Amino acid sequence: MTALENYLLPCLNKQLFGLDCLGCGAQRAVILLFQGEFLAAFKMYPAVYTLVLLGVFLLFNLFVKFKFDYNIRIGLIILNAVIIVASFLIKIIT
């Protein structure tokens, strides 16, 4: 257990209902990314890389505007939503 794991926010859904939510594992996946455990981060939360990509794109887009930025933003949001829901359903089924 690293020092960062002491500061993770608890999942209210898991505490109240005993079920994982769509975001369960995201914080731990980011910590694993910072530690260089890239495969473990993906296994923990498969959408971690596309969320990082979306975040980098949104930060970049604050300073540089280009022609199809809205379409790229919507595409990345939809891609993230699909990956998050699919991984959540796989986690529930298995």
Protein backbone atom coordinates (compact mmCIF):
# COMPACT_ATOMS: atom_id res chain seq x y z
CA MET A 1 0.00 0.00 0.00
CA THR A 2 1.49 3.30 -1.06
CA ALA A 3 1.13 6.63 0.69
CA LEU A 4 -1.23 7.86 -2.02
CA GLU A 5 -3.68 5.05 -1.33
CA ASN A 6 -4.33 6.52 2.12
CA TYR A 7 -6.04 9.48 0.46
CA LEU A 8 -8.40 7.69 -1.93
CA LEU A 9 -12.04 8.70 -1.86
CA PRO A 10 -14.36 5.87 -0.82
CA CYS A 11 -17.07 4.70 -3.20
CA LEU A 12 -20.40 5.69 -1.66
CA ASN A 13 -22.29 3.28 -3.93
CA LYS A 14 -20.14 0.38 -2.78
CA GLN A 15 -20.49 1.37 0.88
CA LEU A 16 -24.27 1.75 0.75
CA PHE A 17 -25.28 -1.01 -1.65
CA GLY A 18 -22.26 -3.30 -1.79
CA LEU A 19 -21.99 -2.93 -5.58
CA ASP A 20 -19.23 -1.36 -7.64
CA CYS A 21 -20.07 1.81 -9.55
CA LEU A 22 -18.96 2.79 -13.05
CA GLY A 23 -15.94 4.62 -11.63
CA CYS A 24 -14.71 2.00 -9.17
CA GLY A 25 -11.02 1.42 -9.77
CA ALA A 26 -10.27 4.70 -11.55
CA GLN A 27 -8.35 6.25 -8.66
CA ARG A 28 -6.27 3.12 -8.13
CA ALA A 29 -5.62 2.91 -11.89
CA VAL A 30 -4.25 6.46 -11.91
CA ILE A 31 -1.97 5.61 -9.00
CA LEU A 32 -0.77 2.54 -10.88
CA LEU A 33 -0.06 4.76 -13.91
CA PHE A 34 2.08 7.06 -11.77
CA GLN A 35 3.95 4.02 -10.47
CA GLY A 36 4.63 2.80 -14.01
CA GLU A 37 2.38 -0.25 -13.75
CA PHE A 38 0.71 0.27 -17.11
CA LEU A 39 -0.79 -3.17 -17.63
CA ALA A 40 -2.06 -3.31 -14.04
CA ALA A 41 -3.66 0.12 -14.53
CA PHE A 42 -5.46 -1.12 -17.63
CA LYS A 43 -6.66 -4.25 -15.84
CA MET A 44 -7.87 -2.17 -12.90
CA TYR A 45 -9.82 0.32 -15.05
CA PRO A 46 -9.74 -0.18 -18.84
CA ALA A 47 -10.84 3.38 -19.64
CA VAL A 48 -7.88 4.94 -17.85
CA TYR A 49 -5.91 5.56 -21.05
CA THR A 50 -8.79 7.03 -23.03
CA LEU A 51 -9.67 9.26 -20.06
CA VAL A 52 -6.07 10.50 -19.95
CA LEU A 53 -6.24 11.10 -23.71
CA LEU A 54 -9.49 13.05 -23.28
CA GLY A 55 -8.00 15.11 -20.46
CA VAL A 56 -4.88 15.94 -22.47
CA PHE A 57 -6.99 16.85 -25.48
CA LEU A 58 -9.26 19.12 -23.42
CA LEU A 59 -6.26 20.90 -21.87
CA PHE A 60 -4.61 21.29 -25.27
CA ASN A 61 -7.87 22.56 -26.76
CA LEU A 62 -8.07 25.33 -24.17
CA PHE A 63 -5.07 26.97 -25.78
CA VAL A 64 -5.22 25.77 -29.41
CA LYS A 65 -8.47 25.80 -31.36
CA PHE A 66 -8.79 23.94 -34.63
CA LYS A 67 -11.43 22.97 -37.14
CA PHE A 68 -12.83 19.66 -35.87
CA ASP A 69 -12.17 20.02 -32.15
CA TYR A 70 -15.85 19.65 -31.22
CA ASN A 71 -16.19 16.40 -33.20
CA ILE A 72 -13.02 14.97 -31.65
CA ARG A 73 -14.21 15.94 -28.17
CA ILE A 74 -17.61 14.29 -28.67
CA GLY A 75 -15.98 11.20 -30.20
CA LEU A 76 -13.62 10.82 -27.24
CA ILE A 77 -16.49 11.27 -24.77
CA ILE A 78 -18.56 8.61 -26.54
CA LEU A 79 -15.55 6.27 -26.72
CA ASN A 80 -14.96 6.69 -22.98
CA ALA A 81 -18.61 6.09 -22.18
CA VAL A 82 -18.68 2.89 -24.26
CA ILE A 83 -15.48 1.55 -22.66
CA ILE A 84 -16.65 2.41 -19.13
CA VAL A 85 -20.07 0.80 -19.57
CA ALA A 86 -18.67 -2.27 -21.34
CA SER A 87 -16.00 -2.88 -18.70
CA PHE A 88 -18.58 -2.37 -15.95
CA LEU A 89 -20.92 -4.94 -17.52
CA ILE A 90 -18.07 -7.41 -17.97
CA LYS A 91 -17.08 -6.91 -14.32
CA ILE A 92 -20.65 -7.57 -13.17
CA ILE A 93 -21.15 -10.64 -15.37
CA THR A 94 -17.87 -12.33 -14.49
